[in-house]
Amino acid sequence: MTTRLNDVHSRLNPTDVARVLRPRSLSELQDAVRGAAARGEGVSIAGGRHAMGGQQFAEGSLHLETTGLDRVLDADAARGLLRIEAGADWPKIIAATRAMPGGWAIRQKQTGVDAVTLGGSIGANAHGRGLRMQPLGDDIEELTLVGPDGEAIDCSRERNPELFSLVVGGYGLFGVVHAATLRLAPRTTLRRHVDVIDLDDAMNAVYRRADEGCTYGDFQFVIDPDDERFLRRGVLACYRPVDGVAQPNASADLAPEAWLSLLKLAHEDKTRAFKLYSQHYLATDGNHYASDTFQLSTYIPTYAEFLAQSQAGPTAVTESLVIGEHYVPPARLLDFMRGAREVFRRFGTEVIYGTIRAIQRDTTSFLPWAREDACCIVFNVRTPHTAAGKRRTADTFRALIDAALALGGSFFLTYHRHATVAQVEAAHPRFREFLAQKRRHDPAERFTSDWYRHYRDAFAGAGVAA
């Protein structure tokens, strides 16, 4: 008797696992891994199930659902450190920091969705809107890993440093993170500064805002391919710490009903959708937000159901959004966006939502996706669940990866499995070594995923020893 799982966002990864366990303690987690080892069984791992490339599922595996592991283990208010089990999601983590004395807060979380676990964010080495921040691994002081033999291993930059670097950004392939210690920052109040500007002005505006003291920011661009401003103009929102604000505004994001309205317009009238979106942000210029809760996002988990209802009828086609994230040197951003415009128009691919953020070079992960300071360009692409629709999305993302590589850029590995071996090697030159480290630390390949199996086999077929 198998259980079919799928990811929440793209709904393109239906996977039959042998069974699902939800451990609630370290000992239960260890017993689950040891039992799988005794049976010669692969183990897959997920929390919120938002990952899209298949890295959280594996056909026929024992699937560990980690959300039962969400307890606070230690809170050091003197040093601003929070030790918490890795199945906790970001609202629980923020609540735990707010329960600490001293006014501590998270530094960053990934954008777009909150119901993802700390362990998943560590595995993806997620990033947020910090203008001068590395990915999340920079905030992890230490972690406890349950390895392939079920033993608990403490890892940090000083203790088992190589394994630590492999787990951060290792996509769950080296073990299950039971708990981690987050380095916090003082909670501040931020003032939002909003500009609707052309992209060629945006980078100067970002640097200017950063020089003015802004610590966070991002840029949402025009998504209508028939608009001459397509991928050229957008909304830049930056956030600067301020003093003397008694009560910040409650939420920095749109309400769910407003997001649903904009989501529908993004499918039907992209020009009006951007107009309303920019009007909303301009109306909030000067608002004040807490530096932790402003990072929380409105997310519509029933996006697929929403589309099915709004497009119901005998010809309705199931569809969803697939994300691609690409990195280019800041000086080449305009060149990349020009290339992206050509790609989307060539394939007729619809962008429903997109954003640009800044990231600093990652000095923690063995397999860093941010090998240099970069601009991160994120595209949410409308994908009908037909052979033609999925093929168009795959062709589009391969072309966007080529456009980034031609400019000395890269891409995020696990949003999809469309990248070729040559593209992976060009963007992630340590990937062969990463596969070798996987086999060294986990020779039985206890921890596995369909994403891992895909690239392990693809590299083996290309003559690369895994």
Protein backbone atom coordinates (compact mmCIF):
# COMPACT_ATOMS: atom_id res chain seq x y z
CA MET A 1 0.00 0.00 0.00
CA THR A 2 1.66 3.22 -1.14
CA THR A 3 0.86 6.87 -0.45
CA ARG A 4 0.83 9.44 -3.23
CA LEU A 5 2.38 12.81 -2.39
CA ASN A 6 2.74 15.98 -4.44
CA ASP A 7 4.26 19.40 -3.99
CA VAL A 8 1.97 22.23 -2.95
CA HIS A 9 3.04 24.84 -5.49
CA SER A 10 3.55 23.34 -8.93
CA ARG A 11 1.55 20.10 -8.41
CA LEU A 12 3.83 18.49 -11.00
CA ASN A 13 5.54 15.91 -8.78
CA PRO A 14 3.05 13.14 -7.92
CA THR A 15 5.15 10.50 -6.18
CA ASP A 16 4.19 7.16 -4.65
CA VAL A 17 6.13 6.60 -1.43
CA ALA A 18 6.11 3.35 0.53
CA ARG A 19 4.72 5.07 3.63
CA VAL A 20 4.85 8.31 5.60
CA LEU A 21 6.12 8.72 9.16
CA ARG A 22 5.85 11.87 11.27
CA PRO A 23 8.39 11.58 14.08
CA ARG A 24 7.86 13.79 17.14
CA SER A 25 11.20 13.41 18.92
CA LEU A 26 14.85 12.88 18.18
CA SER A 27 14.61 9.24 19.27
CA GLU A 28 11.62 8.61 16.98
CA LEU A 29 13.52 10.21 14.11
CA GLN A 30 16.55 8.03 14.79
CA ASP A 31 14.42 4.89 15.01
CA ALA A 32 12.81 5.71 11.66
CA VAL A 33 16.18 6.08 9.95
CA ARG A 34 17.58 2.94 11.57
CA GLY A 35 14.51 0.98 10.53
CA ALA A 36 14.90 2.15 6.94
CA ALA A 37 18.57 1.16 7.01
CA ALA A 38 17.68 -2.33 8.30
CA ARG A 39 15.20 -2.75 5.44
CA GLY A 40 17.56 -1.30 2.81
CA GLU A 41 15.02 1.43 2.20
CA GLY A 42 15.58 4.93 0.84
CA VAL A 43 14.46 7.91 2.92
CA SER A 44 12.96 11.14 1.58
CA ILE A 45 12.30 14.22 3.68
CA ALA A 46 9.85 17.13 3.57
CA GLY A 47 8.17 19.65 5.82
CA GLY A 48 5.89 22.12 4.05
CA ARG A 49 6.18 20.27 0.69
CA HIS A 50 6.63 23.52 -1.23
CA ALA A 51 9.81 22.48 -3.07
CA MET A 52 9.13 21.92 -6.76
CA GLY A 53 11.97 19.98 -8.34
CA GLY A 54 11.35 16.61 -6.69
CA GLN A 55 14.04 16.97 -4.01
CA GLN A 56 11.58 16.26 -1.19
CA PHE A 57 10.13 13.02 -2.58
CA ALA A 58 11.51 9.70 -3.85
CA GLU A 59 9.52 6.93 -5.48
CA GLY A 60 9.20 3.93 -3.15
CA SER A 61 10.92 5.63 -0.22
CA LEU A 62 10.08 5.92 3.45
CA HIS A 63 8.95 9.53 3.62
CA LEU A 64 9.70 11.51 6.80
CA GLU A 65 7.33 14.39 7.42
CA THR A 66 9.21 16.66 9.81
CA THR A 67 6.53 19.09 11.01
CA GLY A 68 6.09 17.12 14.26
CA LEU A 69 9.54 18.36 15.30
CA ASP A 70 8.92 22.01 16.18
CA ARG A 71 9.90 22.54 19.82
CA VAL A 72 12.10 25.34 21.12
CA LEU A 73 15.15 23.69 22.70
CA ASP A 74 17.05 26.73 23.97
CA ALA A 75 16.83 30.50 23.81
CA ASP A 76 19.95 32.50 24.65
CA ALA A 77 18.72 36.07 25.11
CA ALA A 78 22.20 37.30 26.06
CA ARG A 79 23.75 36.31 22.73
CA GLY A 80 20.68 36.37 20.50
CA LEU A 81 20.63 32.66 19.65
CA LEU A 82 17.58 30.44 19.22
CA ARG A 83 17.88 26.64 19.11
CA ILE A 84 14.74 25.10 17.68
CA GLU A 85 13.75 21.82 16.06
CA ALA A 86 14.00 21.95 12.29
CA GLY A 87 10.37 21.05 11.60
CA ALA A 88 9.25 24.45 12.90
CA ASP A 89 7.92 26.77 10.23
CA TRP A 90 8.69 30.48 10.04
CA PRO A 91 5.63 31.79 11.91
CA LYS A 92 6.56 29.45 14.80
CA ILE A 93 10.17 30.59 14.66
CA ILE A 94 9.14 34.25 14.75
CA ALA A 95 6.79 33.55 17.67
CA ALA A 96 9.66 31.87 19.52
CA THR A 97 11.94 34.87 19.02
CA ARG A 98 9.20 37.20 20.25
CA ALA A 99 8.86 35.11 23.40
CA MET A 100 12.53 35.80 24.19
CA PRO A 101 13.50 38.86 26.23
CA GLY A 102 15.73 41.41 24.58
CA GLY A 103 13.79 42.23 21.42
CA TRP A 104 15.37 39.64 19.12
CA ALA A 105 14.19 38.79 15.60
CA ILE A 106 15.07 36.63 12.61
CA ARG A 107 17.38 38.28 10.10
CA GLN A 108 15.79 36.75 7.01
CA LYS A 109 13.51 34.07 5.62
CA GLN A 110 12.63 33.06 2.09
CA THR A 111 9.91 35.13 0.46
CA GLY A 112 6.59 34.07 -0.99
CA VAL A 113 5.52 31.45 1.55
CA ASP A 114 5.77 31.04 5.32
CA ALA A 115 4.67 27.43 5.93
CA VAL A 116 8.06 25.96 5.12
CA THR A 117 10.30 24.46 7.76
CA LEU A 118 13.65 25.60 9.03
CA GLY A 119 15.15 22.29 7.88
CA GLY A 120 13.83 22.80 4.37
CA SER A 121 15.15 26.34 4.28
CA ILE A 122 18.58 25.09 5.39
CA GLY A 123 18.55 22.35 2.75
CA ALA A 124 17.77 24.88 0.03
CA ASN A 125 20.00 27.54 1.60
CA ALA A 126 17.12 29.98 1.11
CA HIS A 127 17.43 33.74 0.97
CA GLY A 128 15.21 36.74 1.58
CA ARG A 129 15.15 40.42 0.71
CA GLY A 130 18.27 41.52 2.56
CA LEU A 131 20.23 43.96 0.41
CA ARG A 132 23.57 42.99 1.90
CA MET A 133 23.01 39.47 3.20
CA GLN A 134 24.29 36.05 2.25
CA PRO A 135 21.82 33.16 2.02
CA LEU A 136 20.35 31.67 5.19
CA GLY A 137 23.35 29.43 5.90
CA ASP A 138 25.17 32.52 7.13
CA ASP A 139 22.64 32.72 10.00
CA ILE A 140 23.06 29.09 11.13
CA GLU A 141 25.44 28.71 14.04
CA GLU A 142 25.17 24.94 14.42
CA LEU A 143 22.86 22.04 13.65
CA THR A 144 22.19 18.47 14.70
CA LEU A 145 21.97 15.95 11.89
CA VAL A 146 20.63 12.40 11.97
CA GLY A 147 22.93 10.56 9.58
CA PRO A 148 22.40 7.41 7.49
CA ASP A 149 23.11 5.09 10.43
CA GLY A 150 20.63 6.93 12.67
CA GLU A 151 23.30 8.55 14.82
CA ALA A 152 22.99 12.21 15.84
CA ILE A 153 25.90 14.37 14.64
CA ASP A 154 26.58 17.92 15.82
CA CYS A 155 27.86 20.14 13.01
CA SER A 156 29.11 23.71 12.88
CA ARG A 157 31.88 25.72 11.28
CA GLU A 158 34.19 24.35 13.98
CA ARG A 159 32.81 20.84 14.52
CA ASN A 160 32.44 18.58 11.48
CA PRO A 161 32.79 21.66 9.27
CA GLU A 162 32.79 19.81 5.94
CA LEU A 163 29.55 18.02 6.75
CA PHE A 164 28.06 21.31 7.96
CA SER A 165 28.86 22.91 4.61
CA LEU A 166 27.35 19.96 2.75
CA VAL A 167 24.11 20.00 4.74
CA VAL A 168 23.59 23.75 4.21
CA GLY A 169 22.39 23.84 0.63
CA GLY A 170 22.59 20.04 0.40
CA TYR A 171 18.90 19.44 -0.39
CA GLY A 172 18.39 16.84 2.33
CA LEU A 173 20.86 14.36 0.85
CA PHE A 174 23.22 14.03 3.83
CA GLY A 175 20.74 13.38 6.62
CA VAL A 176 17.76 14.79 8.46
CA VAL A 177 18.32 18.05 10.31
CA HIS A 178 16.78 17.55 13.73
CA ALA A 179 17.51 20.99 15.18
CA ALA A 180 19.47 24.15 14.41
CA THR A 181 20.66 27.27 16.17
CA LEU A 182 19.72 30.52 14.46
CA ARG A 183 21.73 33.70 14.94
CA LEU A 184 19.25 36.52 15.50
CA ALA A 185 19.33 40.30 15.12
CA PRO A 186 17.74 43.08 17.15
CA ARG A 187 14.15 43.67 16.08
CA THR A 188 13.81 47.08 14.46
CA THR A 189 11.07 49.17 12.89
CA LEU A 190 11.41 49.70 9.15
CA ARG A 191 10.06 52.48 6.98
CA ARG A 192 8.97 51.47 3.48
CA HIS A 193 10.23 53.57 0.55
CA VAL A 194 8.49 52.94 -2.78
CA ASP A 195 9.56 53.98 -6.28
CA VAL A 196 7.98 53.03 -9.61
CA ILE A 197 10.97 53.22 -11.92
CA ASP A 198 12.64 51.81 -15.01
CA LEU A 199 15.01 48.92 -14.53
CA ASP A 200 18.01 50.88 -15.78
CA ASP A 201 17.45 53.26 -12.85
CA ALA A 202 16.71 50.51 -10.36
CA MET A 203 20.27 49.43 -9.55
CA ASN A 204 21.34 53.00 -8.87
CA ALA A 205 18.23 53.41 -6.73
CA VAL A 206 19.07 50.25 -4.79
CA TYR A 207 22.62 51.44 -4.11
CA ARG A 208 21.28 54.85 -3.11
CA ARG A 209 18.76 53.31 -0.76
CA ALA A 210 21.42 51.04 0.72
CA ASP A 211 23.68 54.05 1.28
CA GLU A 212 20.74 55.72 3.02
CA GLY A 213 20.62 52.76 5.42
CA CYS A 214 17.99 50.51 3.84
CA THR A 215 18.53 46.89 4.84
CA TYR A 216 15.90 45.12 2.71
CA GLY A 217 14.40 45.60 -0.72
CA ASP A 218 13.13 44.03 -3.92
CA PHE A 219 11.80 44.95 -7.37
CA GLN A 220 8.62 43.61 -9.05
CA PHE A 221 8.53 44.09 -12.82
CA VAL A 222 5.89 44.51 -15.53
CA ILE A 223 4.70 41.11 -16.79
CA ASP A 224 2.68 42.07 -19.89
CA PRO A 225 4.66 41.00 -23.01
CA ASP A 226 2.63 43.42 -25.16
CA ASP A 227 3.69 46.37 -23.02
CA GLU A 228 6.86 48.16 -24.14
CA ARG A 229 7.81 48.26 -20.45
CA PHE A 230 7.76 44.42 -20.22
CA LEU A 231 10.52 43.37 -17.76
CA ARG A 232 11.79 46.98 -17.96
CA ARG A 233 9.73 48.88 -15.40
CA GLY A 234 8.62 47.95 -11.94
CA VAL A 235 8.02 48.69 -8.28
CA LEU A 236 11.08 49.06 -6.06
CA ALA A 237 10.29 48.74 -2.36
CA CYS A 238 13.10 49.28 0.15
CA TYR A 239 13.04 49.30 3.95
CA ARG A 240 15.09 51.51 6.28
CA PRO A 241 15.37 51.15 10.07
CA VAL A 242 13.91 54.12 11.99
CA ASP A 243 13.48 55.06 15.63
CA GLY A 244 10.59 56.52 17.54
CA VAL A 245 7.66 54.68 15.93
CA ALA A 246 5.31 53.51 18.67
CA GLN A 247 3.15 51.11 16.67
CA PRO A 248 4.22 49.75 13.25
CA ASN A 249 1.61 48.83 10.67
CA ALA A 250 0.35 45.29 11.12
CA SER A 251 1.05 43.74 7.72
CA ALA A 252 3.40 44.61 4.89
CA ASP A 253 1.70 42.32 2.39
CA LEU A 254 -1.61 42.31 0.57
CA ALA A 255 -4.61 40.60 2.16
CA PRO A 256 -5.51 37.18 0.68
CA GLU A 257 -8.58 38.50 -1.13
CA ALA A 258 -6.50 41.27 -2.72
CA TRP A 259 -3.88 38.75 -3.82
CA LEU A 260 -6.56 36.54 -5.36
CA SER A 261 -7.94 39.52 -7.27
CA LEU A 262 -4.48 40.43 -8.58
CA LEU A 263 -3.75 36.80 -9.40
CA LYS A 264 -6.87 36.60 -11.54
CA LEU A 265 -5.95 39.87 -13.28
CA ALA A 266 -2.43 38.59 -13.91
CA HIS A 267 -4.04 35.90 -16.06
CA GLU A 268 -6.62 38.14 -17.73
CA ASP A 269 -5.37 41.75 -17.79
CA LYS A 270 -1.67 42.01 -16.95
CA THR A 271 -1.50 45.77 -17.51
CA ARG A 272 -4.29 46.43 -15.03
CA ALA A 273 -2.77 43.94 -12.58
CA PHE A 274 0.52 45.87 -12.53
CA LYS A 275 -1.31 49.20 -12.24
CA LEU A 276 -3.24 48.05 -9.19
CA TYR A 277 -0.15 46.43 -7.67
CA SER A 278 1.91 49.60 -8.05
CA GLN A 279 -0.95 51.70 -6.68
CA HIS A 280 -1.09 49.51 -3.59
CA TYR A 281 2.63 49.88 -2.97
CA LEU A 282 2.66 53.62 -3.61
CA ALA A 283 -0.18 54.00 -1.11
CA THR A 284 2.00 52.30 1.53
CA ASP A 285 5.07 54.49 0.95
CA GLY A 286 6.12 55.71 4.38
CA ASN A 287 4.41 52.91 6.31
CA HIS A 288 6.28 51.30 9.18
CA TYR A 289 6.73 47.59 9.81
CA ALA A 290 8.49 45.32 12.29
CA SER A 291 11.67 43.83 10.79
CA ASP A 292 10.56 40.24 11.42
CA THR A 293 6.83 40.14 10.65
CA PHE A 294 7.18 42.32 7.55
CA GLN A 295 8.91 39.31 5.98
CA LEU A 296 5.78 37.17 6.31
CA SER A 297 3.90 36.69 3.05
CA THR A 298 0.37 36.16 1.87
CA TYR A 299 0.35 32.84 0.07
CA ILE A 300 -2.57 31.19 -1.70
CA PRO A 301 -2.05 27.43 -1.15
CA THR A 302 -5.15 26.60 -3.18
CA TYR A 303 -3.85 28.35 -6.31
CA ALA A 304 -4.57 25.31 -8.49
CA GLU A 305 -8.10 25.05 -7.10
CA PHE A 306 -8.60 28.80 -7.61
CA LEU A 307 -7.64 28.47 -11.26
CA ALA A 308 -9.84 25.43 -11.72
CA GLN A 309 -12.83 27.35 -10.33
CA SER A 310 -12.15 30.50 -12.33
CA GLN A 311 -11.69 28.58 -15.56
CA ALA A 312 -14.24 25.81 -15.03
CA GLY A 313 -15.75 24.25 -18.11
CA PRO A 314 -15.37 21.34 -20.51
CA THR A 315 -12.16 22.77 -22.00
CA ALA A 316 -10.50 23.72 -18.70
CA VAL A 317 -6.90 22.54 -18.34
CA THR A 318 -5.15 21.96 -15.02
CA GLU A 319 -2.27 24.38 -14.63
CA SER A 320 0.04 25.83 -12.03
CA LEU A 321 3.04 28.10 -11.62
CA VAL A 322 6.62 26.86 -11.93
CA ILE A 323 9.44 29.00 -10.57
CA GLY A 324 12.89 29.57 -12.01
CA GLU A 325 15.57 31.65 -10.32
CA HIS A 326 18.59 32.99 -12.15
CA TYR A 327 21.66 34.92 -11.03
CA VAL A 328 23.75 37.41 -12.96
CA PRO A 329 26.43 39.94 -12.01
CA PRO A 330 24.73 43.25 -11.13
CA ALA A 331 26.44 44.97 -14.06
CA ARG A 332 24.81 42.47 -16.47
CA LEU A 333 21.24 42.68 -15.17
CA LEU A 334 19.94 44.80 -18.07
CA ASP A 335 21.56 42.45 -20.58
CA PHE A 336 19.91 39.45 -18.95
CA MET A 337 16.47 41.06 -18.86
CA ARG A 338 16.77 41.94 -22.55
CA GLY A 339 17.56 38.31 -23.25
CA ALA A 340 14.68 37.17 -21.03
CA ARG A 341 12.23 39.36 -22.98
CA GLU A 342 13.32 37.65 -26.17
CA VAL A 343 13.00 34.19 -24.59
CA PHE A 344 9.48 34.74 -23.28
CA ARG A 345 8.28 36.22 -26.54
CA ARG A 346 9.90 33.47 -28.60
CA PHE A 347 8.20 30.66 -26.68
CA GLY A 348 4.98 32.54 -25.89
CA THR A 349 5.47 31.78 -22.21
CA GLU A 350 3.42 33.76 -19.68
CA VAL A 351 5.03 35.31 -16.62
CA ILE A 352 2.47 35.66 -13.83
CA TYR A 353 4.77 37.20 -11.23
CA GLY A 354 8.42 38.10 -11.01
CA THR A 355 10.89 39.81 -8.75
CA ILE A 356 14.54 40.87 -8.56
CA ARG A 357 16.58 40.76 -5.37
CA ALA A 358 20.21 41.21 -4.33
CA ILE A 359 22.39 38.51 -2.79
CA GLN A 360 25.92 38.45 -1.43
CA ARG A 361 28.47 35.72 -2.11
CA ASP A 362 27.83 32.58 -0.07
CA THR A 363 30.81 31.57 2.08
CA THR A 364 29.09 28.70 3.93
CA SER A 365 27.76 26.06 1.53
CA PHE A 366 29.88 23.44 -0.20
CA LEU A 367 27.67 23.88 -3.26
CA PRO A 368 26.83 27.60 -3.23
CA TRP A 369 24.29 28.86 -5.70
CA ALA A 370 25.56 32.39 -5.01
CA ARG A 371 29.24 32.00 -5.88
CA GLU A 372 29.57 35.78 -6.28
CA ASP A 373 27.51 38.84 -5.37
CA ALA A 374 24.57 38.75 -7.75
CA CYS A 375 21.14 39.92 -8.79
CA CYS A 376 18.53 37.19 -8.36
CA ILE A 377 15.79 37.20 -10.97
CA VAL A 378 12.73 35.07 -10.17
CA PHE A 379 10.06 34.15 -12.71
CA ASN A 380 6.75 32.45 -11.88
CA VAL A 381 5.74 30.86 -15.19
CA ARG A 382 2.22 29.76 -16.07
CA THR A 383 2.34 26.07 -16.90
CA PRO A 384 -0.62 24.10 -18.30
CA HIS A 385 -0.37 20.45 -17.27
CA THR A 386 -0.32 19.23 -20.85
CA ALA A 387 2.61 17.75 -22.75
CA ALA A 388 2.90 20.96 -24.78
CA GLY A 389 2.57 23.21 -21.73
CA LYS A 390 5.21 21.37 -19.72
CA ARG A 391 7.55 21.22 -22.73
CA ARG A 392 7.22 24.99 -23.27
CA THR A 393 8.10 25.69 -19.64
CA ALA A 394 11.11 23.36 -19.85
CA ASP A 395 12.35 24.97 -23.08
CA THR A 396 11.85 28.43 -21.60
CA PHE A 397 13.88 27.72 -18.48
CA ARG A 398 16.70 26.07 -20.42
CA ALA A 399 16.88 29.17 -22.64
CA LEU A 400 16.89 31.47 -19.58
CA ILE A 401 19.69 29.41 -18.02
CA ASP A 402 21.71 29.79 -21.23
CA ALA A 403 21.09 33.54 -21.14
CA ALA A 404 22.38 33.73 -17.55
CA LEU A 405 25.40 31.51 -18.27
CA ALA A 406 26.38 33.67 -21.24
CA LEU A 407 26.69 36.60 -18.83
CA GLY A 408 28.72 34.75 -16.21
CA GLY A 409 25.60 33.88 -14.21
CA SER A 410 23.96 30.81 -12.74
CA PHE A 411 20.60 29.36 -11.65
CA PHE A 412 18.99 27.69 -8.65
CA LEU A 413 19.28 23.93 -8.94
CA THR A 414 16.09 22.46 -7.54
CA TYR A 415 13.09 24.47 -8.72
CA HIS A 416 12.84 22.05 -11.64
CA ARG A 417 14.78 19.28 -13.43
CA HIS A 418 14.96 20.94 -16.86
CA ALA A 419 18.64 21.91 -16.82
CA THR A 420 21.02 19.80 -18.87
CA VAL A 421 24.19 18.22 -17.49
CA ALA A 422 26.24 20.82 -19.38
CA GLN A 423 24.21 23.64 -17.84
CA VAL A 424 24.55 22.23 -14.32
CA GLU A 425 28.31 21.83 -14.72
CA ALA A 426 28.72 25.34 -16.12
CA ALA A 427 26.69 26.97 -13.34
CA HIS A 428 27.82 24.71 -10.48
CA PRO A 429 31.38 23.58 -11.20
CA ARG A 430 31.59 21.60 -7.92
CA PHE A 431 28.55 19.48 -8.72
CA ARG A 432 30.60 16.37 -9.64
CA GLU A 433 32.46 16.70 -6.37
CA PHE A 434 29.14 17.20 -4.56
CA LEU A 435 27.91 13.87 -5.96
CA ALA A 436 31.14 12.20 -4.85
CA GLN A 437 30.77 13.66 -1.34
CA LYS A 438 27.23 12.34 -1.22
CA ARG A 439 28.44 8.81 -1.90
CA ARG A 440 31.31 9.19 0.60
CA HIS A 441 29.08 10.34 3.48
CA ASP A 442 26.11 8.15 2.51
CA PRO A 443 27.45 5.17 0.52
CA ALA A 444 24.14 3.29 0.67
CA GLU A 445 22.33 6.40 -0.64
CA ARG A 446 19.97 6.16 2.32
CA PHE A 447 18.78 9.74 1.84
CA THR A 448 17.45 10.15 -1.63
CA SER A 449 15.06 12.06 -3.87
CA ASP A 450 13.78 11.94 -7.40
CA TRP A 451 15.76 15.12 -8.09
CA TYR A 452 18.97 13.45 -6.87
CA ARG A 453 18.32 10.25 -8.81
CA HIS A 454 17.68 12.27 -11.98
CA TYR A 455 21.00 14.11 -11.88
CA ARG A 456 23.01 11.20 -10.46
CA ASP A 457 21.91 9.10 -13.43
CA ALA A 458 22.28 11.96 -15.92
CA PHE A 459 25.87 12.59 -14.83
CA ALA A 460 26.65 8.88 -14.85
CA GLY A 461 25.28 8.70 -18.39
CA ALA A 462 27.51 11.60 -19.33
CA GLY A 463 30.54 9.65 -18.13
CA VAL A 464 30.84 11.37 -14.77
CA ALA A 465 31.53 9.14 -11.78
CA ALA A 466 28.96 9.75 -9.09
